[in-house]
Every structure is written in C-alpha cells, then in structure tokens.
Amino acid sequence: MLQTLIVIVFLVLISVLLLGIRIFFTKDGQFPNTHIGGNVHLKKKGIKCATSQDKEIHLKSASKEYC
C-alpha cells in the first residue's frame, strides 16, 4: 500500500515537472495564451470570443436606445 502511494506521488511529480518545463526552466516562463483573442489567425478572420462579441452587441444596442 505504502509502496503504491510513493510510486503514484512520484509519477504525479514527474508529470507536473514535464508539463511545466517551459514555465519552470525558461527565463520569462509563462503559460501560453490559449484564449481565442490571443490567436493571430483568428484575429485576421475577425473571430473573437463569445463574451467579447456579446459585450460589443450590448454596448451598440444600449447606445442606440439612448439616441
């Protein structure tokens, strides 16, 4: 039982280290931007995240109501 627990903890530790190589071992290590707004190809096509698009629509409709 104890041996299994030690092996599991060791495997989890190795997994975390391997997943974080870029973050832990580079000078300016940071997580990659996986947000839709950070993707250059989607920006060129004019695609934004749903939250940003929803906000823009509500701002446009709110400004039309007050004019």
N, C-alpha and C. Protein backbone atom coordinates (compact mmCIF):
# COMPACT_ATOMS: atom_id res chain seq x y z
N MET A 1 0.82 -1.19 0.00
CA MET A 1 0.00 0.00 0.00
C MET A 1 0.87 1.26 0.00
N LEU A 2 1.82 1.32 0.91
CA LEU A 2 2.69 2.48 1.01
C LEU A 2 3.57 2.60 -0.24
N GLN A 3 4.02 1.47 -0.75
CA GLN A 3 4.85 1.48 -1.94
C GLN A 3 4.06 2.02 -3.14
N THR A 4 2.81 1.64 -3.27
CA THR A 4 1.96 2.13 -4.35
C THR A 4 1.74 3.63 -4.24
N LEU A 5 1.53 4.12 -3.05
CA LEU A 5 1.33 5.55 -2.83
C LEU A 5 2.58 6.34 -3.20
N ILE A 6 3.74 5.83 -2.85
CA ILE A 6 5.00 6.51 -3.19
C ILE A 6 5.20 6.54 -4.70
N VAL A 7 4.89 5.46 -5.38
CA VAL A 7 5.02 5.41 -6.84
C VAL A 7 4.06 6.40 -7.49
N ILE A 8 2.84 6.48 -7.00
CA ILE A 8 1.85 7.40 -7.56
C ILE A 8 2.28 8.85 -7.36
N VAL A 9 2.75 9.18 -6.17
CA VAL A 9 3.21 10.55 -5.89
C VAL A 9 4.40 10.88 -6.79
N PHE A 10 5.30 9.95 -6.97
CA PHE A 10 6.46 10.15 -7.84
C PHE A 10 6.02 10.39 -9.29
N LEU A 11 5.07 9.60 -9.78
CA LEU A 11 4.59 9.77 -11.14
C LEU A 11 3.88 11.11 -11.33
N VAL A 12 3.12 11.54 -10.37
CA VAL A 12 2.44 12.84 -10.46
C VAL A 12 3.47 13.96 -10.45
N LEU A 13 4.48 13.86 -9.62
CA LEU A 13 5.53 14.87 -9.57
C LEU A 13 6.28 14.96 -10.90
N ILE A 14 6.63 13.84 -11.46
CA ILE A 14 7.31 13.82 -12.77
C ILE A 14 6.40 14.41 -13.84
N SER A 15 5.12 14.09 -13.82
CA SER A 15 4.17 14.62 -14.80
C SER A 15 4.07 16.13 -14.72
N VAL A 16 3.99 16.67 -13.52
CA VAL A 16 3.89 18.12 -13.34
C VAL A 16 5.17 18.80 -13.83
N LEU A 17 6.31 18.22 -13.53
CA LEU A 17 7.58 18.79 -13.99
C LEU A 17 7.68 18.77 -15.52
N LEU A 18 7.27 17.68 -16.13
CA LEU A 18 7.34 17.59 -17.59
C LEU A 18 6.35 18.55 -18.26
N LEU A 19 5.17 18.72 -17.68
CA LEU A 19 4.20 19.65 -18.25
C LEU A 19 4.65 21.10 -18.08
N GLY A 20 5.47 21.36 -17.06
CA GLY A 20 5.87 22.73 -16.78
C GLY A 20 7.29 23.07 -17.16
N ILE A 21 7.90 22.28 -18.04
CA ILE A 21 9.30 22.54 -18.42
C ILE A 21 9.48 23.96 -18.93
N ARG A 22 8.62 24.38 -19.81
CA ARG A 22 8.74 25.72 -20.39
C ARG A 22 8.58 26.80 -19.33
N ILE A 23 7.71 26.59 -18.38
CA ILE A 23 7.43 27.59 -17.35
C ILE A 23 8.53 27.61 -16.29
N PHE A 24 8.95 26.44 -15.87
CA PHE A 24 9.91 26.36 -14.77
C PHE A 24 11.35 26.68 -15.19
N PHE A 25 11.72 26.33 -16.41
CA PHE A 25 13.12 26.37 -16.78
C PHE A 25 13.49 27.42 -17.82
N THR A 26 12.60 28.31 -18.18
CA THR A 26 12.96 29.40 -19.08
C THR A 26 12.93 30.70 -18.29
N LYS A 27 13.66 31.69 -18.78
CA LYS A 27 13.82 32.94 -18.05
C LYS A 27 12.48 33.66 -17.84
N ASP A 28 11.74 33.86 -18.90
CA ASP A 28 10.45 34.53 -18.80
C ASP A 28 9.32 33.52 -19.00
N GLY A 29 9.40 32.41 -18.30
CA GLY A 29 8.42 31.35 -18.48
C GLY A 29 7.03 31.78 -18.05
N GLN A 30 6.07 31.54 -18.92
CA GLN A 30 4.68 31.82 -18.60
C GLN A 30 3.81 30.86 -19.39
N PHE A 31 2.58 30.72 -18.95
CA PHE A 31 1.66 29.83 -19.63
C PHE A 31 1.32 30.39 -21.01
N PRO A 32 1.15 29.54 -22.00
CA PRO A 32 0.80 30.03 -23.32
C PRO A 32 -0.61 30.61 -23.31
N ASN A 33 -0.84 31.61 -24.14
CA ASN A 33 -2.15 32.23 -24.22
C ASN A 33 -3.04 31.34 -25.09
N THR A 34 -4.00 30.69 -24.49
CA THR A 34 -4.89 29.80 -25.22
C THR A 34 -6.24 30.45 -25.48
N HIS A 35 -6.38 31.71 -25.14
CA HIS A 35 -7.62 32.42 -25.35
C HIS A 35 -7.80 32.71 -26.83
N ILE A 36 -9.02 32.73 -27.29
CA ILE A 36 -9.30 32.96 -28.70
C ILE A 36 -8.74 34.30 -29.16
N GLY A 37 -8.81 35.31 -28.30
CA GLY A 37 -8.30 36.62 -28.66
C GLY A 37 -6.80 36.67 -28.84
N GLY A 38 -6.08 35.68 -28.36
CA GLY A 38 -4.63 35.65 -28.49
C GLY A 38 -4.15 34.92 -29.74
N ASN A 39 -5.06 34.38 -30.53
CA ASN A 39 -4.70 33.63 -31.71
C ASN A 39 -4.64 34.57 -32.91
N VAL A 40 -3.48 34.68 -33.54
CA VAL A 40 -3.25 35.61 -34.65
C VAL A 40 -4.14 35.28 -35.84
N HIS A 41 -4.27 34.01 -36.18
CA HIS A 41 -5.03 33.61 -37.36
C HIS A 41 -6.53 33.92 -37.18
N LEU A 42 -7.05 33.74 -35.97
CA LEU A 42 -8.45 34.06 -35.73
C LEU A 42 -8.68 35.56 -35.73
N LYS A 43 -7.70 36.33 -35.26
CA LYS A 43 -7.82 37.79 -35.31
C LYS A 43 -7.92 38.28 -36.74
N LYS A 44 -7.12 37.69 -37.63
CA LYS A 44 -7.16 38.08 -39.04
C LYS A 44 -8.53 37.83 -39.66
N LYS A 45 -9.20 36.77 -39.20
CA LYS A 45 -10.52 36.44 -39.72
C LYS A 45 -11.63 37.23 -39.03
N GLY A 46 -11.27 37.98 -37.98
CA GLY A 46 -12.26 38.77 -37.26
C GLY A 46 -13.06 37.98 -36.24
N ILE A 47 -12.56 36.82 -35.86
CA ILE A 47 -13.25 35.97 -34.89
C ILE A 47 -12.81 36.35 -33.49
N LYS A 48 -13.77 36.56 -32.62
CA LYS A 48 -13.48 36.91 -31.22
C LYS A 48 -14.20 35.91 -30.32
N CYS A 49 -13.92 35.99 -29.05
CA CYS A 49 -14.60 35.09 -28.12
C CYS A 49 -16.06 35.54 -27.97
N ALA A 50 -16.90 34.62 -27.56
CA ALA A 50 -18.33 34.90 -27.44
C ALA A 50 -18.60 36.00 -26.42
N THR A 51 -17.84 36.04 -25.35
CA THR A 51 -18.04 37.06 -24.32
C THR A 51 -17.76 38.45 -24.88
N SER A 52 -16.69 38.60 -25.62
CA SER A 52 -16.35 39.90 -26.21
C SER A 52 -17.39 40.32 -27.24
N GLN A 53 -17.83 39.39 -28.07
CA GLN A 53 -18.83 39.71 -29.07
C GLN A 53 -20.15 40.10 -28.41
N ASP A 54 -20.53 39.40 -27.36
CA ASP A 54 -21.77 39.71 -26.64
C ASP A 54 -21.69 41.10 -26.01
N LYS A 55 -20.56 41.43 -25.45
CA LYS A 55 -20.37 42.75 -24.85
C LYS A 55 -20.49 43.86 -25.90
N GLU A 56 -19.86 43.66 -27.06
CA GLU A 56 -19.94 44.65 -28.13
C GLU A 56 -21.37 44.86 -28.60
N ILE A 57 -22.12 43.77 -28.74
CA ILE A 57 -23.52 43.86 -29.19
C ILE A 57 -24.36 44.63 -28.18
N HIS A 58 -24.16 44.34 -26.90
CA HIS A 58 -24.93 45.03 -25.87
C HIS A 58 -24.57 46.52 -25.79
N LEU A 59 -23.31 46.83 -25.98
CA LEU A 59 -22.90 48.25 -25.97
C LEU A 59 -23.49 49.00 -27.16
N LYS A 60 -23.50 48.36 -28.34
CA LYS A 60 -24.07 49.00 -29.52
C LYS A 60 -25.57 49.20 -29.35
N SER A 61 -26.27 48.20 -28.84
CA SER A 61 -27.72 48.32 -28.69
C SER A 61 -28.08 49.32 -27.60
N ALA A 62 -27.25 49.41 -26.55
CA ALA A 62 -27.52 50.37 -25.48
C ALA A 62 -27.30 51.80 -25.97
N SER A 63 -26.32 52.02 -26.82
CA SER A 63 -26.08 53.37 -27.34
C SER A 63 -27.17 53.78 -28.32
N LYS A 64 -27.77 52.86 -29.05
CA LYS A 64 -28.85 53.17 -29.97
C LYS A 64 -30.14 53.52 -29.22
N GLU A 65 -30.34 52.91 -28.06
CA GLU A 65 -31.56 53.15 -27.30
C GLU A 65 -31.56 54.56 -26.71
N TYR A 66 -30.42 55.10 -26.39
CA TYR A 66 -30.35 56.41 -25.75
C TYR A 66 -30.29 57.56 -26.77
N CYS A 67 -30.10 57.29 -28.03
CA CYS A 67 -30.01 58.35 -29.04
C CYS A 67 -31.37 58.83 -29.47
